[in-house]
Amino acid sequence: MSSNHKMPQFPESYWRETPLPTFGKLNENTSVDVAIIGGGITGITAGYLLMKEGLKVAILEAGNILTGTTGHTTAKLTAQHGLIYDEFINHFGLEKAKLYYEAETSAIDFVRNQVQEKQIDCDFSEEDAFIYATSDEYAKKIETEMQAYKKLGIIGRLVDGIPFNIQTKATLAMNQQAQFHPLKYLQKLLQEFIDGGGIVYENTTAVDVGENDHPVVITRDGHRVKCKYVIAASHFPFVDMMGFYFARMYSSRSYVLGIKTKTEFPGGMYYSADKPTRSLRYTPFNGEKLILVGGEGHKTGQGINTMKHYETLEGFAEEVFGITDFPYRWSAQDLITLDKLPYIGPIKENRSKILIATGFRKWGMTNGTVAAMLLKDIIIEKENPYKELFNPDRFQADPSLKKVISINTDVAGHLIKGKLEVAPKDPDDLENDEGAVVTVNGKRAGAYRDKDGNLHLVDTTCTHLGCETEWNEGERTWDCPCHGSRYTYDGEVLNGPTKRPLRKIDY
């Protein structure tokens, strides 16, 4: 460890300190106009907007509302999504690159207007966003990105350095971006959704959609929700086999420390162009500024010992700021599409009543809001300028074809590797609060001995497509290196594409 401060043992997102309402479980068949699967920023915002249009809407959440991806965000509202605009101009052309910027800006404006009109106390503040380079290679890329800004009419500027102990070669600013507390913001929309007749069902896992004249959502408990439209806003589409989205995206994990420091944070939001990426910003915290230090991204299930990622971030933060305390650490999971544009719209051309919103990369607050507004317009049959841009059925030969080959070659490699892996440990070898791949009755299994000494054993074979999950020490989870499914230490589903838990093993 790089400092004398004890790191929190388990991830606990700062946002999760916010008290949230609770709702009952669906325990009967029902009918609505729109069934939304997933209670994050897309689901709640879309539900609110559709309720305002006079539709009867139900949100179905597998766990508790706002505890998934939205509850583990860094909550930036920015259209500066890394070095993306020059790439988009080259791949899609000037017009589509400009549409992307306009869509993200419209999302920021939407949130800003909601905060102002409803007087939502959610720590909203306007901040400039900065992307910086520490190498000559990425300095040149930042200069090229600035030229893309000029072509697209983006208000930005090159600046000299950033106000930290980080030597930079080039820095690009985007003006008038924002940050906020997502749960405080969404609580207000959720309350208005409920007050307007919206329905929320928690601990209600959707596992399939049947189609006749209207879609029917089928839950794990066998209950049915008949509707005119289904919105799959559950991070990964729970009906992914319809469009083979597991082969068209990959999942990435990244890590965040919430720290208190010896130096005052000057404001602004900062993101490194070089690898590994680093993200820096602050959030109000008990009258102080809690600094959020993020980065260390890698494909889910394929990183080094995950505690090392936290320790690396800690060393970086200690060098740049000087840590006095860090009460929080957590990780996030992001889905990245083949061409880096989200998939928003009908899941397939001939399945127009089943809509998806996924692949937001690391920019879920803006892309999730864009998705909610676009899906609302699709359902009420209103023209939307971004419909074709985000169409899930699109396919660009460059870079998509190369990505398809790369992703699925990687999947095949991990599938074979996992099946051949020898597990030398026995469950009895584990100490308290230790997990590992073990051998039980001559077969591969996953074991975790909790703090009280209780042993939890599961079959490590992912219930999605049969890859072998790996132990994630930092989060105490079983993560699939093939398509990013994640499970608790006792096998319950945390992240899709899987819908079924790991099989428990007796010992």
Protein backbone atom coordinates (compact mmCIF):
# COMPACT_ATOMS: atom_id res chain seq x y z
CA MET A 1 0.00 0.00 0.00
CA SER A 2 1.23 3.47 -0.81
CA SER A 3 0.00 5.28 2.32
CA ASN A 4 -0.73 4.65 5.96
CA HIS A 5 -4.49 5.02 5.56
CA LYS A 6 -6.55 1.85 5.83
CA MET A 7 -8.60 1.28 2.71
CA PRO A 8 -12.29 0.45 3.26
CA GLN A 9 -12.66 -3.31 3.05
CA PHE A 10 -15.75 -3.38 0.84
CA PRO A 11 -16.88 -1.04 -1.94
CA GLU A 12 -19.50 1.45 -0.78
CA SER A 13 -20.47 4.10 -3.26
CA TYR A 14 -20.83 7.59 -1.86
CA TRP A 15 -24.18 7.89 -3.62
CA ARG A 16 -25.54 4.90 -1.69
CA GLU A 17 -25.60 6.94 1.51
CA THR A 18 -28.76 8.60 0.15
CA PRO A 19 -31.94 7.10 1.69
CA LEU A 20 -34.12 5.63 -1.05
CA PRO A 21 -37.81 4.67 -1.13
CA THR A 22 -38.80 1.00 -1.18
CA PHE A 23 -41.47 -0.70 -3.23
CA GLY A 24 -43.26 -4.02 -3.27
CA LYS A 25 -42.67 -7.04 -5.51
CA LEU A 26 -44.89 -7.93 -8.45
CA ASN A 27 -47.04 -10.83 -7.25
CA GLU A 28 -49.76 -11.02 -9.90
CA ASN A 29 -50.34 -10.56 -13.62
CA THR A 30 -50.96 -6.99 -14.74
CA SER A 31 -51.32 -4.76 -17.83
CA VAL A 32 -49.74 -1.37 -18.60
CA ASP A 33 -48.95 0.73 -21.66
CA VAL A 34 -45.18 0.55 -21.14
CA ALA A 35 -43.11 -1.87 -19.04
CA ILE A 36 -39.61 -0.59 -18.25
CA ILE A 37 -37.02 -3.12 -17.12
CA GLY A 38 -34.46 -1.36 -14.94
CA GLY A 39 -34.71 1.48 -12.46
CA GLY A 40 -31.64 3.56 -13.27
CA ILE A 41 -31.36 6.94 -14.94
CA THR A 42 -32.81 5.74 -18.25
CA GLY A 43 -35.68 3.82 -16.68
CA ILE A 44 -36.75 6.50 -14.23
CA THR A 45 -36.36 9.39 -16.68
CA ALA A 46 -38.20 7.53 -19.43
CA GLY A 47 -40.93 6.51 -16.97
CA TYR A 48 -41.34 10.10 -15.83
CA LEU A 49 -41.52 11.44 -19.42
CA LEU A 50 -43.99 8.77 -20.55
CA MET A 51 -46.16 9.33 -17.47
CA LYS A 52 -46.27 13.04 -18.41
CA GLU A 53 -47.60 11.94 -21.83
CA GLY A 54 -50.52 10.22 -20.11
CA LEU A 55 -49.32 6.62 -20.43
CA LYS A 56 -49.61 3.95 -17.75
CA VAL A 57 -46.05 2.87 -16.96
CA ALA A 58 -44.50 0.25 -14.68
CA ILE A 59 -40.82 0.00 -13.78
CA LEU A 60 -39.58 -3.52 -12.92
CA GLU A 61 -36.32 -3.66 -10.98
CA ALA A 62 -34.54 -6.96 -10.28
CA GLY A 63 -33.18 -5.68 -6.96
CA ASN A 64 -33.77 -2.38 -5.21
CA ILE A 65 -34.21 0.72 -7.28
CA LEU A 66 -31.14 2.90 -7.96
CA THR A 67 -28.66 0.40 -6.53
CA GLY A 68 -27.16 -0.75 -9.83
CA THR A 69 -25.01 1.10 -12.34
CA THR A 70 -26.58 4.50 -11.62
CA GLY A 71 -25.72 4.04 -7.94
CA HIS A 72 -22.06 3.48 -8.81
CA THR A 73 -21.36 6.40 -11.11
CA THR A 74 -19.04 9.39 -11.00
CA ALA A 75 -22.03 11.54 -12.09
CA LYS A 76 -20.45 13.82 -14.66
CA LEU A 77 -22.73 15.58 -17.11
CA THR A 78 -20.45 16.25 -20.03
CA ALA A 79 -20.24 15.92 -23.79
CA GLN A 80 -16.45 15.52 -23.52
CA HIS A 81 -16.32 11.74 -23.75
CA GLY A 82 -12.60 11.30 -24.15
CA LEU A 83 -10.91 11.86 -27.52
CA ILE A 84 -14.00 10.90 -29.51
CA TYR A 85 -14.99 13.61 -31.97
CA ASP A 86 -12.14 13.28 -34.44
CA GLU A 87 -12.73 9.51 -34.41
CA PHE A 88 -16.47 9.97 -35.02
CA ILE A 89 -15.83 12.40 -37.89
CA ASN A 90 -13.54 9.81 -39.54
CA HIS A 91 -15.90 6.89 -39.03
CA PHE A 92 -19.34 8.47 -39.44
CA GLY A 93 -18.83 11.83 -41.06
CA LEU A 94 -19.19 15.40 -39.86
CA GLU A 95 -22.99 15.42 -39.67
CA LYS A 96 -23.30 12.37 -37.39
CA ALA A 97 -20.43 13.49 -35.17
CA LYS A 98 -22.21 16.82 -34.71
CA LEU A 99 -25.49 15.02 -33.94
CA TYR A 100 -23.73 13.09 -31.17
CA TYR A 101 -22.46 16.31 -29.59
CA GLU A 102 -25.89 17.92 -29.88
CA ALA A 103 -27.56 14.88 -28.29
CA GLU A 104 -25.21 14.93 -25.30
CA THR A 105 -25.62 18.69 -24.90
CA SER A 106 -29.41 18.32 -25.00
CA ALA A 107 -29.15 15.83 -22.11
CA ILE A 108 -27.16 18.31 -20.00
CA ASP A 109 -29.73 21.00 -20.79
CA PHE A 110 -32.56 18.65 -19.82
CA VAL A 111 -31.04 17.89 -16.42
CA ARG A 112 -30.20 21.56 -15.83
CA ASN A 113 -33.77 22.58 -16.63
CA GLN A 114 -35.26 19.91 -14.37
CA VAL A 115 -33.02 21.00 -11.49
CA GLN A 116 -33.95 24.65 -11.94
CA GLU A 117 -37.69 24.19 -12.55
CA LYS A 118 -38.22 21.68 -9.75
CA GLN A 119 -35.62 23.27 -7.43
CA ILE A 120 -33.94 19.90 -6.89
CA ASP A 121 -31.25 19.97 -4.22
CA CYS A 122 -28.79 17.58 -5.91
CA ASP A 123 -25.41 19.38 -5.69
CA PHE A 124 -25.72 20.49 -9.33
CA SER A 125 -22.89 22.76 -10.42
CA GLU A 126 -21.54 23.91 -13.76
CA GLU A 127 -17.93 22.91 -14.29
CA ASP A 128 -15.54 23.01 -17.21
CA ALA A 129 -14.31 19.61 -18.36
CA PHE A 130 -10.65 18.98 -19.21
CA ILE A 131 -8.89 16.15 -21.00
CA TYR A 132 -5.11 16.17 -20.58
CA ALA A 133 -2.10 14.37 -22.06
CA THR A 134 1.12 13.46 -20.30
CA SER A 135 2.88 12.11 -23.40
CA ASP A 136 3.83 13.56 -26.78
CA GLU A 137 1.74 10.92 -28.54
CA TYR A 138 -1.47 11.96 -26.81
CA ALA A 139 -0.59 15.66 -26.94
CA LYS A 140 -0.78 15.40 -30.73
CA LYS A 141 -4.12 13.62 -30.45
CA ILE A 142 -5.46 16.43 -28.25
CA GLU A 143 -4.41 19.00 -30.84
CA THR A 144 -6.21 16.96 -33.51
CA GLU A 145 -9.28 16.77 -31.27
CA MET A 146 -9.25 20.56 -30.96
CA GLN A 147 -9.45 20.78 -34.74
CA ALA A 148 -12.48 18.45 -34.59
CA TYR A 149 -14.06 20.80 -32.03
CA LYS A 150 -13.65 23.69 -34.47
CA LYS A 151 -15.22 21.72 -37.33
CA LEU A 152 -18.21 20.82 -35.15
CA GLY A 153 -18.67 24.23 -33.55
CA ILE A 154 -17.86 22.93 -30.06
CA ILE A 155 -16.86 25.65 -27.63
CA GLY A 156 -13.47 24.52 -26.35
CA ARG A 157 -9.95 25.77 -25.82
CA LEU A 158 -6.40 24.56 -25.34
CA VAL A 159 -5.06 25.52 -21.92
CA ASP A 160 -1.69 25.42 -20.20
CA GLY A 161 -1.64 22.53 -17.74
CA ILE A 162 -3.97 21.55 -14.93
CA PRO A 163 -3.84 22.70 -11.28
CA PHE A 164 -2.35 19.49 -9.87
CA ASN A 165 1.03 17.86 -9.39
CA ILE A 166 0.77 16.28 -12.85
CA GLN A 167 3.11 17.23 -15.70
CA THR A 168 1.02 17.64 -18.85
CA LYS A 169 1.94 18.14 -22.51
CA ALA A 170 -1.48 19.40 -23.69
CA THR A 171 -4.92 20.04 -22.19
CA LEU A 172 -8.26 20.55 -23.94
CA ALA A 173 -11.17 22.21 -22.13
CA MET A 174 -14.89 22.02 -22.92
CA ASN A 175 -16.86 24.86 -21.38
CA GLN A 176 -20.07 24.82 -19.32
CA GLN A 177 -20.36 21.14 -18.49
CA ALA A 178 -21.81 20.00 -15.15
CA GLN A 179 -21.85 17.52 -12.27
CA PHE A 180 -24.56 16.46 -9.81
CA HIS A 181 -25.69 13.90 -7.25
CA PRO A 182 -27.63 11.42 -9.42
CA LEU A 183 -29.72 9.77 -6.69
CA LYS A 184 -30.92 13.05 -5.19
CA TYR A 185 -31.88 14.18 -8.69
CA LEU A 186 -33.62 10.94 -9.66
CA GLN A 187 -35.51 10.73 -6.38
CA LYS A 188 -37.44 13.84 -7.40
CA LEU A 189 -38.30 12.44 -10.84
CA LEU A 190 -39.23 9.12 -9.25
CA GLN A 191 -41.56 10.80 -6.76
CA GLU A 192 -43.30 12.74 -9.53
CA PHE A 193 -43.56 9.50 -11.53
CA ILE A 194 -45.29 7.81 -8.58
CA ASP A 195 -47.51 10.83 -7.88
CA GLY A 196 -48.58 10.80 -11.53
CA GLY A 197 -49.71 7.16 -11.39
CA GLY A 198 -46.46 5.36 -12.24
CA ILE A 199 -45.82 1.96 -10.66
CA VAL A 200 -42.54 0.48 -9.37
CA TYR A 201 -41.98 -3.20 -8.62
CA GLU A 202 -38.74 -4.10 -6.84
CA ASN A 203 -37.14 -7.55 -6.48
CA THR A 204 -38.91 -8.47 -9.71
CA THR A 205 -36.61 -10.09 -12.26
CA ALA A 206 -37.71 -10.10 -15.91
CA VAL A 207 -36.42 -13.17 -17.73
CA ASP A 208 -38.20 -13.18 -21.09
CA VAL A 209 -40.56 -11.38 -23.44
CA GLY A 210 -43.34 -13.13 -25.32
CA GLU A 211 -44.92 -11.53 -28.35
CA ASN A 212 -48.34 -11.82 -29.92
CA ASP A 213 -50.31 -8.65 -30.60
CA HIS A 214 -48.53 -7.03 -27.65
CA PRO A 215 -45.33 -7.87 -25.78
CA VAL A 216 -45.64 -9.77 -22.51
CA VAL A 217 -42.86 -9.52 -19.92
CA ILE A 218 -42.39 -12.77 -18.01
CA THR A 219 -40.79 -12.64 -14.55
CA ARG A 220 -38.70 -15.27 -12.80
CA ASP A 221 -41.68 -16.00 -10.54
CA GLY A 222 -43.90 -16.68 -13.54
CA HIS A 223 -45.96 -13.48 -13.44
CA ARG A 224 -46.77 -11.62 -16.64
CA VAL A 225 -46.95 -7.96 -17.56
CA LYS A 226 -48.89 -7.33 -20.76
CA CYS A 227 -47.98 -4.04 -22.45
CA LYS A 228 -47.78 -2.13 -25.73
CA TYR A 229 -44.05 -1.46 -25.41
CA VAL A 230 -41.15 -2.89 -23.42
CA ILE A 231 -38.07 -0.79 -22.64
CA ALA A 232 -35.03 -2.85 -21.61
CA ALA A 233 -33.05 -0.29 -19.60
CA SER A 234 -31.30 -2.85 -17.39
CA HIS A 235 -27.74 -1.96 -18.45
CA PHE A 236 -27.40 -5.16 -20.50
CA PRO A 237 -30.52 -6.12 -22.53
CA PHE A 238 -32.10 -9.03 -20.67
CA VAL A 239 -33.43 -10.25 -24.05
CA ASP A 240 -29.97 -10.06 -25.66
CA MET A 241 -30.30 -13.26 -27.72
CA MET A 242 -32.71 -11.40 -30.04
CA GLY A 243 -29.88 -9.23 -31.31
CA PHE A 244 -26.79 -11.13 -30.10
CA TYR A 245 -25.71 -8.06 -28.14
CA PHE A 246 -23.27 -10.13 -26.09
CA ALA A 247 -21.17 -10.37 -29.26
CA ARG A 248 -21.62 -6.70 -30.15
CA MET A 249 -20.43 -5.17 -26.88
CA TYR A 250 -17.87 -5.81 -24.20
CA SER A 251 -17.95 -4.89 -20.53
CA SER A 252 -15.31 -2.88 -18.70
CA ARG A 253 -14.77 -2.37 -15.00
CA SER A 254 -13.22 0.75 -13.50
CA TYR A 255 -12.54 1.86 -9.94
CA VAL A 256 -13.17 4.92 -7.81
CA LEU A 257 -11.81 6.20 -4.51
CA GLY A 258 -13.67 8.88 -2.55
CA ILE A 259 -10.91 10.69 -0.61
CA LYS A 260 -10.30 13.61 1.70
CA THR A 261 -7.06 15.45 1.04
CA LYS A 262 -4.54 17.89 2.39
CA THR A 263 -5.02 20.24 -0.57
CA GLU A 264 -8.16 22.08 -1.68
CA PHE A 265 -9.71 20.90 -4.95
CA PRO A 266 -9.89 23.84 -7.40
CA GLY A 267 -13.02 22.79 -9.29
CA GLY A 268 -13.44 21.36 -12.76
CA MET A 269 -13.58 17.79 -14.05
CA TYR A 270 -10.39 16.18 -15.38
CA TYR A 271 -9.80 13.09 -17.52
CA SER A 272 -6.52 11.73 -18.85
CA ALA A 273 -6.10 10.86 -22.50
CA ASP A 274 -3.19 8.50 -21.79
CA LYS A 275 -3.56 4.95 -20.53
CA PRO A 276 -4.25 3.98 -17.86
CA THR A 277 -6.92 6.65 -17.61
CA ARG A 278 -7.37 8.83 -14.56
CA SER A 279 -10.49 10.80 -13.68
CA LEU A 280 -10.56 13.61 -11.12
CA ARG A 281 -13.43 15.68 -9.78
CA TYR A 282 -15.07 16.58 -6.47
CA THR A 283 -18.50 16.33 -4.88
CA PRO A 284 -19.86 18.20 -1.82
CA PHE A 285 -19.63 16.02 1.27
CA ASN A 286 -20.67 17.11 4.77
CA GLY A 287 -19.61 20.68 4.11
CA GLU A 288 -16.30 19.59 2.55
CA LYS A 289 -15.13 18.46 -0.87
CA LEU A 290 -14.83 14.73 -1.35
CA ILE A 291 -12.45 14.11 -4.25
CA LEU A 292 -13.35 11.26 -6.59
CA VAL A 293 -10.31 9.59 -8.15
CA GLY A 294 -11.18 7.06 -10.85
CA GLY A 295 -9.51 4.88 -13.45
CA GLU A 296 -7.76 1.52 -13.86
CA GLY A 297 -10.27 0.26 -16.42
CA HIS A 298 -10.06 -3.31 -17.79
CA LYS A 299 -12.33 -5.91 -19.32
CA THR A 300 -14.57 -7.49 -16.70
CA GLY A 301 -13.08 -10.67 -15.27
CA GLN A 302 -9.73 -10.06 -16.95
CA GLY A 303 -7.92 -7.64 -14.66
CA ILE A 304 -5.13 -8.29 -12.23
CA ASN A 305 -6.01 -8.94 -8.58
CA THR A 306 -8.68 -6.25 -8.27
CA MET A 307 -7.36 -4.93 -4.98
CA LYS A 308 -4.24 -3.90 -6.92
CA HIS A 309 -6.34 -1.50 -8.98
CA TYR A 310 -7.51 0.26 -5.83
CA GLU A 311 -3.98 0.32 -4.47
CA THR A 312 -2.64 1.83 -7.70
CA LEU A 313 -5.29 4.57 -7.55
CA GLU A 314 -4.41 5.17 -3.92
CA GLY A 315 -0.74 5.64 -4.80
CA PHE A 316 -1.66 8.09 -7.57
CA ALA A 317 -3.98 10.06 -5.27
CA GLU A 318 -1.38 10.17 -2.49
CA GLU A 319 1.22 11.57 -4.88
CA VAL A 320 -1.09 14.18 -6.42
CA PHE A 321 -3.08 15.30 -3.37
CA GLY A 322 -1.89 13.79 -0.12
CA ILE A 323 -4.66 11.67 1.41
CA THR A 324 -5.99 12.36 4.90
CA ASP A 325 -8.82 9.80 4.68
CA PHE A 326 -10.86 7.87 2.14
CA PRO A 327 -14.20 6.70 3.45
CA TYR A 328 -15.37 5.24 0.13
CA ARG A 329 -14.23 3.01 -2.67
CA TRP A 330 -16.33 1.32 -5.30
CA SER A 331 -16.22 0.00 -8.85
CA ALA A 332 -18.44 0.47 -11.87
CA GLN A 333 -19.29 -1.62 -14.91
CA ASP A 334 -19.65 -0.06 -18.35
CA LEU A 335 -20.72 -1.55 -21.67
CA ILE A 336 -18.90 -0.49 -24.84
CA THR A 337 -20.35 -1.05 -28.30
CA LEU A 338 -18.41 -1.93 -31.42
CA ASP A 339 -18.35 1.66 -32.69
CA LYS A 340 -18.60 3.43 -29.28
CA LEU A 341 -22.09 4.80 -30.02
CA PRO A 342 -24.90 3.60 -27.71
CA TYR A 343 -27.62 1.26 -28.94
CA ILE A 344 -30.96 3.03 -28.41
CA GLY A 345 -34.17 1.96 -30.14
CA PRO A 346 -35.91 -1.25 -31.32
CA ILE A 347 -33.95 -4.36 -30.41
CA LYS A 348 -34.38 -5.60 -34.00
CA GLU A 349 -36.03 -4.13 -37.06
CA ASN A 350 -38.89 -6.64 -36.84
CA ARG A 351 -39.27 -6.24 -33.05
CA SER A 352 -40.35 -2.59 -32.97
CA LYS A 353 -42.24 -2.88 -29.68
CA ILE A 354 -39.19 -4.04 -27.72
CA LEU A 355 -36.81 -1.12 -27.16
CA ILE A 356 -33.32 -1.16 -25.67
CA ALA A 357 -30.87 1.38 -24.26
CA THR A 358 -27.33 0.15 -23.65
CA GLY A 359 -23.66 0.65 -24.47
CA PHE A 360 -23.21 4.05 -22.81
CA ARG A 361 -19.46 3.53 -22.24
CA LYS A 362 -18.44 5.58 -19.20
CA TRP A 363 -20.91 8.36 -19.89
CA GLY A 364 -24.18 7.02 -18.57
CA MET A 365 -25.57 10.23 -17.13
CA THR A 366 -25.76 12.00 -20.49
CA ASN A 367 -26.30 8.95 -22.69
CA GLY A 368 -28.91 7.57 -20.28
CA THR A 369 -30.82 10.84 -20.44
CA VAL A 370 -30.52 10.94 -24.26
CA ALA A 371 -31.92 7.41 -24.33
CA ALA A 372 -34.91 8.29 -22.15
CA MET A 373 -35.84 11.26 -24.34
CA LEU A 374 -35.39 9.29 -27.58
CA LEU A 375 -37.36 6.25 -26.37
CA LYS A 376 -40.21 8.50 -25.26
CA ASP A 377 -40.35 10.04 -28.74
CA ILE A 378 -40.30 6.62 -30.43
CA ILE A 379 -43.24 5.44 -28.31
CA ILE A 380 -45.36 8.54 -28.84
CA GLU A 381 -44.35 8.54 -32.54
CA LYS A 382 -42.66 11.92 -32.47
CA GLU A 383 -39.77 12.79 -34.77
CA ASN A 384 -36.36 12.76 -33.09
CA PRO A 385 -33.14 13.84 -34.91
CA TYR A 386 -31.03 11.19 -33.14
CA LYS A 387 -33.10 8.11 -34.00
CA GLU A 388 -30.94 6.84 -36.86
CA LEU A 389 -27.67 7.76 -35.15
CA PHE A 390 -28.32 5.40 -32.24
CA ASN A 391 -30.29 2.74 -34.16
CA PRO A 392 -29.25 -0.66 -32.68
CA ASP A 393 -29.48 -2.33 -36.11
CA ARG A 394 -26.73 -0.18 -37.60
CA PHE A 395 -23.44 -1.72 -38.66
CA GLN A 396 -20.33 0.13 -39.82
CA ALA A 397 -17.73 -2.14 -41.45
CA ASP A 398 -14.99 0.01 -39.89
CA PRO A 399 -14.43 -0.38 -36.97
CA SER A 400 -17.23 -2.85 -36.22
CA LEU A 401 -15.99 -5.85 -38.19
CA LYS A 402 -12.55 -5.74 -36.58
CA LYS A 403 -14.17 -5.41 -33.15
CA VAL A 404 -16.45 -8.41 -33.73
CA ILE A 405 -13.46 -10.58 -34.60
CA SER A 406 -11.39 -9.24 -31.68
CA ILE A 407 -14.13 -9.63 -29.07
CA ASN A 408 -15.08 -13.15 -30.06
CA THR A 409 -11.47 -14.34 -30.43
CA ASP A 410 -10.91 -13.09 -26.89
CA VAL A 411 -14.06 -14.89 -25.68
CA ALA A 412 -12.94 -18.18 -27.25
CA GLY A 413 -9.55 -17.88 -25.58
CA HIS A 414 -11.03 -17.36 -22.13
CA LEU A 415 -13.60 -20.12 -22.63
CA ILE A 416 -10.84 -22.65 -23.35
CA LYS A 417 -8.52 -21.31 -20.65
CA GLY A 418 -11.21 -21.52 -17.97
CA LYS A 419 -12.09 -25.12 -18.82
CA LEU A 420 -8.46 -26.22 -18.66
CA GLU A 421 -7.54 -24.37 -15.46
CA VAL A 422 -6.36 -26.54 -12.57
CA ALA A 423 -7.56 -25.44 -9.13
CA PRO A 424 -4.97 -26.48 -6.56
CA LYS A 425 -6.85 -25.17 -3.53
CA ASP A 426 -9.26 -27.05 -1.33
CA PRO A 427 -12.21 -25.24 0.37
CA ASP A 428 -10.72 -26.10 3.76
CA ASP A 429 -7.61 -24.08 2.85
CA LEU A 430 -9.50 -20.79 2.83
CA GLU A 431 -9.22 -18.31 5.66
CA ASN A 432 -12.10 -16.07 6.75
CA ASP A 433 -12.96 -13.42 4.13
CA GLU A 434 -11.07 -15.27 1.41
CA GLY A 435 -12.35 -16.54 -1.94
CA ALA A 436 -10.78 -18.67 -4.66
CA VAL A 437 -11.32 -21.24 -7.36
CA VAL A 438 -11.13 -24.65 -5.67
CA THR A 439 -11.58 -28.33 -6.42
CA VAL A 440 -14.64 -30.13 -5.03
CA ASN A 441 -15.17 -33.81 -5.82
CA GLY A 442 -12.58 -33.52 -8.58
CA LYS A 443 -14.35 -30.61 -10.31
CA ARG A 444 -13.76 -26.86 -10.54
CA ALA A 445 -15.83 -24.80 -8.08
CA GLY A 446 -15.87 -21.35 -6.52
CA ALA A 447 -15.53 -20.91 -2.77
CA TYR A 448 -15.75 -17.97 -0.39
CA ARG A 449 -15.42 -18.22 3.38
CA ASP A 450 -17.11 -15.18 4.92
CA LYS A 451 -16.00 -13.19 7.98
CA ASP A 452 -17.92 -15.52 10.29
CA GLY A 453 -16.30 -18.61 8.80
CA ASN A 454 -19.31 -19.76 6.77
CA LEU A 455 -18.42 -21.40 3.45
CA HIS A 456 -20.24 -20.47 0.24
CA LEU A 457 -19.71 -22.85 -2.71
CA VAL A 458 -20.90 -22.35 -6.27
CA ASP A 459 -20.39 -23.87 -9.69
CA THR A 460 -18.14 -21.34 -11.46
CA THR A 461 -19.67 -22.01 -14.90
CA CYS A 462 -21.42 -18.84 -16.07
CA THR A 463 -25.10 -19.49 -16.75
CA HIS A 464 -25.02 -17.29 -19.85
CA LEU A 465 -22.91 -19.26 -22.34
CA GLY A 466 -20.76 -21.50 -20.19
CA CYS A 467 -17.51 -19.61 -19.64
CA GLU A 468 -15.78 -20.04 -16.29
CA THR A 469 -16.09 -17.11 -13.87
CA GLU A 470 -13.13 -15.77 -11.91
CA TRP A 471 -12.91 -14.53 -8.32
CA ASN A 472 -12.89 -10.74 -7.87
CA GLU A 473 -11.22 -10.12 -4.53
CA GLY A 474 -11.91 -6.39 -4.47
CA GLU A 475 -15.70 -6.78 -4.75
CA ARG A 476 -16.10 -10.36 -3.42
CA THR A 477 -17.83 -11.38 -6.67
CA TRP A 478 -17.59 -13.99 -9.41
CA ASP A 479 -16.97 -12.26 -12.76
CA CYS A 480 -17.20 -13.76 -16.24
CA PRO A 481 -14.29 -12.81 -18.53
CA CYS A 482 -16.25 -13.62 -21.70
CA HIS A 483 -19.32 -11.36 -21.65
CA GLY A 484 -19.11 -9.57 -18.31
CA SER A 485 -21.79 -11.29 -16.23
CA ARG A 486 -21.20 -10.85 -12.50
CA TYR A 487 -22.49 -12.75 -9.46
CA THR A 488 -22.38 -12.31 -5.71
CA TYR A 489 -20.17 -14.69 -3.70
CA ASP A 490 -23.17 -16.98 -3.24
CA GLY A 491 -24.09 -16.91 -6.92
CA GLU A 492 -26.87 -14.31 -7.26
CA VAL A 493 -26.85 -12.21 -10.44
CA LEU A 494 -25.36 -8.72 -10.20
CA ASN A 495 -24.84 -7.83 -13.88
CA GLY A 496 -26.07 -9.38 -17.14
CA PRO A 497 -26.20 -10.66 -19.80
CA THR A 498 -26.94 -13.70 -17.64
CA LYS A 499 -30.39 -14.02 -16.08
CA ARG A 500 -29.87 -17.09 -13.88
CA PRO A 501 -27.76 -17.47 -10.72
CA LEU A 502 -24.78 -19.79 -10.37
CA ARG A 503 -25.64 -23.27 -9.14
CA LYS A 504 -24.90 -23.77 -5.45
CA ILE A 505 -22.79 -26.77 -4.41
CA ASP A 506 -23.11 -28.82 -1.25
CA TYR A 507 -19.92 -29.71 0.66
